[in-house]
Amino acid sequence: MVRLSRLIAPVAWVVFASAFAASSWLAVLLLQTLAVNRWIAAGSVASPPASAAPGVRYAAGWRAERALRFTDAVQLYTDAQASGDAARDSRAWFALGNVYFKTGVAASREYEEKVGPVFENAQFDLARDAYRSALRLQPDLAGARYNLELLERLAPVRHLQGWRRNTDPIMLVPDKHNGWTSMQDDNKRGLP
């Protein structure tokens, strides 16, 4: 009985010390997160701190995109791709593709109002490349696959040529037999 009470006291101190260390570490992480949230809420997206993590840059890019500051969003999403995590990088590529798609549609509409129809700009090519990069990193990213096929259907020039999927699930090749867009059945296509 005496030996058991001698063991309980040191074990209790070890448990207490480890709980104190863990709570201190979590408090530091919470303070860092609150500082980043204040930084993002202040709107200082154009000049993120050099030590900002890729997730912080992604969040700042999301905020810049919502504020319609697309050049800042492109820069921040590009910086967020360097995380080394395939899932996080694929989402940054996907978000970058969405920005290019939005700016491409706006530029195409502006061109149609001023000059005429059938205009394909470089933003659509950049969006295609970004969606393909996202799908190479994470092939089951349904949003990127859906947006890539939507881009191929809505692109001003390519919808006149007809495009169809080949054996590579990411690349699309021209279909010469008719002028309509055709897609082969694929269980990874579109949203679930």
C-alpha atoms as a PDB file:
ATOM      1  CA  MET A   1       0.000   0.000   0.000  1.00  0.00           C
ATOM      2  CA  VAL A   2       2.847   2.368   0.784  1.00  0.00           C
ATOM      3  CA  ARG A   3       4.590   1.622  -2.509  1.00  0.00           C
ATOM      4  CA  LEU A   4       1.443   2.376  -4.509  1.00  0.00           C
ATOM      5  CA  SER A   5       1.076   5.822  -2.930  1.00  0.00           C
ATOM      6  CA  ARG A   6       4.731   6.575  -3.723  1.00  0.00           C
ATOM      7  CA  LEU A   7       4.083   5.819  -7.435  1.00  0.00           C
ATOM      8  CA  ILE A   8       0.908   7.861  -7.673  1.00  0.00           C
ATOM      9  CA  ALA A   9       2.496  11.197  -6.757  1.00  0.00           C
ATOM     10  CA  PRO A  10       5.220  11.181  -9.490  1.00  0.00           C
ATOM     11  CA  VAL A  11       2.763   9.933 -12.139  1.00  0.00           C
ATOM     12  CA  ALA A  12       0.325  12.686 -11.192  1.00  0.00           C
ATOM     13  CA  TRP A  13       3.083  15.309 -11.510  1.00  0.00           C
ATOM     14  CA  VAL A  14       4.083  13.975 -14.944  1.00  0.00           C
ATOM     15  CA  VAL A  15       0.472  14.069 -16.123  1.00  0.00           C
ATOM     16  CA  PHE A  16       0.064  17.589 -14.727  1.00  0.00           C
ATOM     17  CA  ALA A  17       3.276  18.817 -16.388  1.00  0.00           C
ATOM     18  CA  SER A  18       2.361  17.328 -19.776  1.00  0.00           C
ATOM     19  CA  ALA A  19      -1.153  18.816 -19.596  1.00  0.00           C
ATOM     20  CA  PHE A  20       0.323  22.216 -18.730  1.00  0.00           C
ATOM     21  CA  ALA A  21       2.778  22.024 -21.660  1.00  0.00           C
ATOM     22  CA  ALA A  22       0.038  21.010 -24.091  1.00  0.00           C
ATOM     23  CA  SER A  23      -2.289  23.796 -22.944  1.00  0.00           C
ATOM     24  CA  SER A  24       0.540  26.350 -23.238  1.00  0.00           C
ATOM     25  CA  TRP A  25       1.286  25.204 -26.792  1.00  0.00           C
ATOM     26  CA  LEU A  26      -2.404  25.418 -27.743  1.00  0.00           C
ATOM     27  CA  ALA A  27      -2.619  28.912 -26.220  1.00  0.00           C
ATOM     28  CA  VAL A  28       0.303  30.063 -28.398  1.00  0.00           C
ATOM     29  CA  LEU A  29      -1.388  28.600 -31.495  1.00  0.00           C
ATOM     30  CA  LEU A  30      -4.631  30.346 -30.565  1.00  0.00           C
ATOM     31  CA  LEU A  31      -2.879  33.699 -30.198  1.00  0.00           C
ATOM     32  CA  GLN A  32      -1.181  33.253 -33.581  1.00  0.00           C
ATOM     33  CA  THR A  33      -4.514  32.381 -35.191  1.00  0.00           C
ATOM     34  CA  LEU A  34      -6.197  35.415 -33.646  1.00  0.00           C
ATOM     35  CA  ALA A  35      -3.392  37.660 -34.927  1.00  0.00           C
ATOM     36  CA  VAL A  36      -3.784  36.259 -38.450  1.00  0.00           C
ATOM     37  CA  ASN A  37      -7.565  36.701 -38.275  1.00  0.00           C
ATOM     38  CA  ARG A  38      -7.110  40.350 -37.238  1.00  0.00           C
ATOM     39  CA  TRP A  39      -4.649  40.820 -40.106  1.00  0.00           C
ATOM     40  CA  ILE A  40      -7.091  39.372 -42.650  1.00  0.00           C
ATOM     41  CA  ALA A  41     -10.059  41.293 -41.218  1.00  0.00           C
ATOM     42  CA  ALA A  42      -8.079  44.544 -41.432  1.00  0.00           C
ATOM     43  CA  GLY A  43      -7.885  44.002 -45.185  1.00  0.00           C
ATOM     44  CA  SER A  44      -4.108  44.162 -45.493  1.00  0.00           C
ATOM     45  CA  VAL A  45      -4.184  41.491 -48.181  1.00  0.00           C
ATOM     46  CA  ALA A  46      -1.840  43.207 -50.600  1.00  0.00           C
ATOM     47  CA  SER A  47       1.144  42.901 -48.272  1.00  0.00           C
ATOM     48  CA  PRO A  48       1.006  39.639 -46.314  1.00  0.00           C
ATOM     49  CA  PRO A  49       3.747  38.986 -43.792  1.00  0.00           C
ATOM     50  CA  ALA A  50       6.723  37.097 -45.181  1.00  0.00           C
ATOM     51  CA  SER A  51       6.322  34.412 -42.542  1.00  0.00           C
ATOM     52  CA  ALA A  52       2.683  33.715 -43.414  1.00  0.00           C
ATOM     53  CA  ALA A  53       1.876  30.042 -43.859  1.00  0.00           C
ATOM     54  CA  PRO A  54       0.375  28.793 -47.156  1.00  0.00           C
ATOM     55  CA  GLY A  55      -3.000  28.395 -45.467  1.00  0.00           C
ATOM     56  CA  VAL A  56      -2.932  32.049 -44.416  1.00  0.00           C
ATOM     57  CA  ARG A  57      -2.052  33.091 -47.964  1.00  0.00           C
ATOM     58  CA  TYR A  58      -4.925  30.970 -49.285  1.00  0.00           C
ATOM     59  CA  ALA A  59      -7.357  32.631 -46.857  1.00  0.00           C
ATOM     60  CA  ALA A  60      -6.069  36.073 -47.816  1.00  0.00           C
ATOM     61  CA  GLY A  61      -6.445  35.137 -51.490  1.00  0.00           C
ATOM     62  CA  TRP A  62     -10.022  34.062 -50.859  1.00  0.00           C
ATOM     63  CA  ARG A  63     -10.745  37.395 -49.203  1.00  0.00           C
ATOM     64  CA  ALA A  64      -9.100  39.309 -52.069  1.00  0.00           C
ATOM     65  CA  GLU A  65     -11.137  37.335 -54.597  1.00  0.00           C
ATOM     66  CA  ARG A  66     -14.362  38.170 -52.758  1.00  0.00           C
ATOM     67  CA  ALA A  67     -13.332  41.844 -52.740  1.00  0.00           C
ATOM     68  CA  LEU A  68     -12.834  41.613 -56.549  1.00  0.00           C
ATOM     69  CA  ARG A  69      -9.092  42.287 -56.285  1.00  0.00           C
ATOM     70  CA  PHE A  70      -8.176  39.564 -58.733  1.00  0.00           C
ATOM     71  CA  THR A  71      -4.503  40.456 -59.205  1.00  0.00           C
ATOM     72  CA  ASP A  72      -3.934  40.182 -55.441  1.00  0.00           C
ATOM     73  CA  ALA A  73      -5.873  36.917 -55.365  1.00  0.00           C
ATOM     74  CA  VAL A  74      -3.776  35.448 -58.177  1.00  0.00           C
ATOM     75  CA  GLN A  75      -0.556  36.357 -56.370  1.00  0.00           C
ATOM     76  CA  LEU A  76      -1.730  34.964 -53.028  1.00  0.00           C
ATOM     77  CA  TYR A  77      -3.085  31.726 -54.505  1.00  0.00           C
ATOM     78  CA  THR A  78       0.180  31.264 -56.390  1.00  0.00           C
ATOM     79  CA  ASP A  79       2.112  31.724 -53.138  1.00  0.00           C
ATOM     80  CA  ALA A  80      -0.213  29.277 -51.366  1.00  0.00           C
ATOM     81  CA  GLN A  81       0.744  26.466 -53.757  1.00  0.00           C
ATOM     82  CA  ALA A  82       4.108  25.975 -52.086  1.00  0.00           C
ATOM     83  CA  SER A  83       2.807  24.114 -49.040  1.00  0.00           C
ATOM     84  CA  GLY A  84       4.014  20.662 -50.079  1.00  0.00           C
ATOM     85  CA  ASP A  85       0.661  19.119 -49.173  1.00  0.00           C
ATOM     86  CA  ALA A  86      -1.038  17.761 -52.325  1.00  0.00           C
ATOM     87  CA  ALA A  87      -4.585  18.360 -51.064  1.00  0.00           C
ATOM     88  CA  ARG A  88      -3.884  21.941 -50.020  1.00  0.00           C
ATOM     89  CA  ASP A  89      -1.927  22.680 -53.212  1.00  0.00           C
ATOM     90  CA  SER A  90      -4.683  21.242 -55.393  1.00  0.00           C
ATOM     91  CA  ARG A  91      -7.252  23.504 -53.735  1.00  0.00           C
ATOM     92  CA  ALA A  92      -4.980  26.510 -54.348  1.00  0.00           C
ATOM     93  CA  TRP A  93      -4.696  25.511 -58.027  1.00  0.00           C
ATOM     94  CA  PHE A  94      -8.477  25.106 -58.169  1.00  0.00           C
ATOM     95  CA  ALA A  95      -9.047  28.548 -56.649  1.00  0.00           C
ATOM     96  CA  LEU A  96      -6.499  30.029 -59.064  1.00  0.00           C
ATOM     97  CA  GLY A  97      -8.365  28.438 -61.964  1.00  0.00           C
ATOM     98  CA  ASN A  98     -11.611  29.957 -60.701  1.00  0.00           C
ATOM     99  CA  VAL A  99     -10.053  33.430 -60.640  1.00  0.00           C
ATOM    100  CA  TYR A 100      -8.743  33.029 -64.187  1.00  0.00           C
ATOM    101  CA  PHE A 101     -12.124  31.684 -65.327  1.00  0.00           C
ATOM    102  CA  LYS A 102     -13.972  34.679 -63.838  1.00  0.00           C
ATOM    103  CA  THR A 103     -11.582  37.205 -65.367  1.00  0.00           C
ATOM    104  CA  GLY A 104     -11.690  35.372 -68.705  1.00  0.00           C
ATOM    105  CA  VAL A 105     -15.474  35.467 -68.821  1.00  0.00           C
ATOM    106  CA  ALA A 106     -15.477  39.178 -67.945  1.00  0.00           C
ATOM    107  CA  ALA A 107     -12.881  39.952 -70.634  1.00  0.00           C
ATOM    108  CA  SER A 108     -14.760  37.873 -73.184  1.00  0.00           C
ATOM    109  CA  ARG A 109     -18.039  39.661 -72.458  1.00  0.00           C
ATOM    110  CA  GLU A 110     -16.334  43.023 -72.697  1.00  0.00           C
ATOM    111  CA  TYR A 111     -14.827  42.044 -76.060  1.00  0.00           C
ATOM    112  CA  GLU A 112     -18.204  40.860 -77.369  1.00  0.00           C
ATOM    113  CA  GLU A 113     -19.804  44.170 -76.443  1.00  0.00           C
ATOM    114  CA  LYS A 114     -17.131  46.214 -78.205  1.00  0.00           C
ATOM    115  CA  VAL A 115     -16.004  44.107 -81.180  1.00  0.00           C
ATOM    116  CA  GLY A 116     -18.052  40.983 -81.741  1.00  0.00           C
ATOM    117  CA  PRO A 117     -18.469  37.336 -80.805  1.00  0.00           C
ATOM    118  CA  VAL A 118     -16.002  34.440 -80.731  1.00  0.00           C
ATOM    119  CA  PHE A 119     -13.149  35.658 -78.601  1.00  0.00           C
ATOM    120  CA  GLU A 120     -10.916  33.363 -76.603  1.00  0.00           C
ATOM    121  CA  ASN A 121      -8.415  35.049 -74.335  1.00  0.00           C
ATOM    122  CA  ALA A 122      -5.369  33.859 -72.460  1.00  0.00           C
ATOM    123  CA  GLN A 123      -7.281  33.741 -69.179  1.00  0.00           C
ATOM    124  CA  PHE A 124      -9.159  30.662 -70.375  1.00  0.00           C
ATOM    125  CA  ASP A 125      -5.883  28.895 -71.149  1.00  0.00           C
ATOM    126  CA  LEU A 126      -4.534  29.802 -67.712  1.00  0.00           C
ATOM    127  CA  ALA A 127      -7.737  28.502 -66.111  1.00  0.00           C
ATOM    128  CA  ARG A 128      -7.432  25.219 -68.033  1.00  0.00           C
ATOM    129  CA  ASP A 129      -3.834  24.793 -66.910  1.00  0.00           C
ATOM    130  CA  ALA A 130      -4.735  25.550 -63.289  1.00  0.00           C
ATOM    131  CA  TYR A 131      -7.635  23.060 -63.277  1.00  0.00           C
ATOM    132  CA  ARG A 132      -5.434  20.390 -64.872  1.00  0.00           C
ATOM    133  CA  SER A 133      -2.722  20.998 -62.281  1.00  0.00           C
ATOM    134  CA  ALA A 134      -5.299  20.633 -59.507  1.00  0.00           C
ATOM    135  CA  LEU A 135      -6.506  17.364 -61.022  1.00  0.00           C
ATOM    136  CA  ARG A 136      -2.966  16.023 -61.360  1.00  0.00           C
ATOM    137  CA  LEU A 137      -2.410  16.577 -57.646  1.00  0.00           C
ATOM    138  CA  GLN A 138      -5.835  15.351 -56.558  1.00  0.00           C
ATOM    139  CA  PRO A 139      -7.711  13.421 -59.289  1.00  0.00           C
ATOM    140  CA  ASP A 140     -10.913  13.134 -57.254  1.00  0.00           C
ATOM    141  CA  LEU A 141     -11.389  16.914 -56.860  1.00  0.00           C
ATOM    142  CA  ALA A 142     -14.886  17.078 -58.322  1.00  0.00           C
ATOM    143  CA  GLY A 143     -15.112  20.856 -58.473  1.00  0.00           C
ATOM    144  CA  ALA A 144     -11.993  21.169 -60.625  1.00  0.00           C
ATOM    145  CA  ARG A 145     -13.203  18.448 -62.992  1.00  0.00           C
ATOM    146  CA  TYR A 146     -16.628  20.047 -63.261  1.00  0.00           C
ATOM    147  CA  ASN A 147     -15.208  23.526 -63.892  1.00  0.00           C
ATOM    148  CA  LEU A 148     -12.753  22.210 -66.486  1.00  0.00           C
ATOM    149  CA  GLU A 149     -15.577  20.591 -68.438  1.00  0.00           C
ATOM    150  CA  LEU A 150     -17.742  23.681 -67.989  1.00  0.00           C
ATOM    151  CA  LEU A 151     -14.905  25.807 -69.326  1.00  0.00           C
ATOM    152  CA  GLU A 152     -14.556  23.533 -72.341  1.00  0.00           C
ATOM    153  CA  ARG A 153     -18.282  23.788 -73.027  1.00  0.00           C
ATOM    154  CA  LEU A 154     -18.484  27.558 -72.566  1.00  0.00           C
ATOM    155  CA  ALA A 155     -15.205  28.645 -74.153  1.00  0.00           C
ATOM    156  CA  PRO A 156     -16.115  30.918 -77.050  1.00  0.00           C
ATOM    157  CA  VAL A 157     -13.921  29.282 -79.702  1.00  0.00           C
ATOM    158  CA  ARG A 158     -13.734  25.705 -78.588  1.00  0.00           C
ATOM    159  CA  HIS A 159     -17.462  25.130 -78.355  1.00  0.00           C
ATOM    160  CA  LEU A 160     -17.568  25.668 -82.115  1.00  0.00           C
ATOM    161  CA  GLN A 161     -14.871  23.056 -82.723  1.00  0.00           C
ATOM    162  CA  GLY A 162     -16.268  20.261 -80.568  1.00  0.00           C
ATOM    163  CA  TRP A 163     -14.166  18.693 -77.827  1.00  0.00           C
ATOM    164  CA  ARG A 164     -14.182  15.265 -76.324  1.00  0.00           C
ATOM    165  CA  ARG A 165     -12.257  13.428 -73.663  1.00  0.00           C
ATOM    166  CA  ASN A 166      -9.470  11.064 -74.698  1.00  0.00           C
ATOM    167  CA  THR A 167      -7.809   8.332 -72.651  1.00  0.00           C
ATOM    168  CA  ASP A 168      -6.100  10.860 -70.390  1.00  0.00           C
ATOM    169  CA  PRO A 169      -8.753  11.882 -67.829  1.00  0.00           C
ATOM    170  CA  ILE A 170      -7.368  15.418 -67.601  1.00  0.00           C
ATOM    171  CA  MET A 171      -6.650  16.445 -71.198  1.00  0.00           C
ATOM    172  CA  LEU A 172      -9.367  17.146 -73.746  1.00  0.00           C
ATOM    173  CA  VAL A 173      -8.803  16.630 -77.462  1.00  0.00           C
ATOM    174  CA  PRO A 174     -10.685  17.993 -80.462  1.00  0.00           C
ATOM    175  CA  ASP A 175     -13.497  15.884 -81.820  1.00  0.00           C
ATOM    176  CA  LYS A 176     -13.633  16.141 -85.605  1.00  0.00           C
ATOM    177  CA  HIS A 177     -16.864  14.256 -86.318  1.00  0.00           C
ATOM    178  CA  ASN A 178     -19.287  17.027 -85.338  1.00  0.00           C
ATOM    179  CA  GLY A 179     -19.437  20.491 -83.916  1.00  0.00           C
ATOM    180  CA  TRP A 180     -21.028  19.583 -80.595  1.00  0.00           C
ATOM    181  CA  THR A 181     -19.278  19.045 -77.333  1.00  0.00           C
ATOM    182  CA  SER A 182     -19.484  15.433 -76.281  1.00  0.00           C
ATOM    183  CA  MET A 183     -18.244  13.891 -73.068  1.00  0.00           C
ATOM    184  CA  GLN A 184     -17.749  10.234 -72.414  1.00  0.00           C
ATOM    185  CA  ASP A 185     -19.256   8.760 -69.291  1.00  0.00           C
ATOM    186  CA  ASP A 186     -16.966   9.039 -66.313  1.00  0.00           C
ATOM    187  CA  ASN A 187     -17.831   8.453 -62.713  1.00  0.00           C
ATOM    188  CA  LYS A 188     -15.391  11.214 -61.675  1.00  0.00           C
ATOM    189  CA  ARG A 189     -17.077  13.868 -63.783  1.00  0.00           C
ATOM    190  CA  GLY A 190     -19.011  16.703 -62.197  1.00  0.00           C
ATOM    191  CA  LEU A 191     -20.293  17.118 -58.717  1.00  0.00           C
ATOM    192  CA  PRO A 192     -21.620  14.101 -56.818  1.00  0.00           C
END
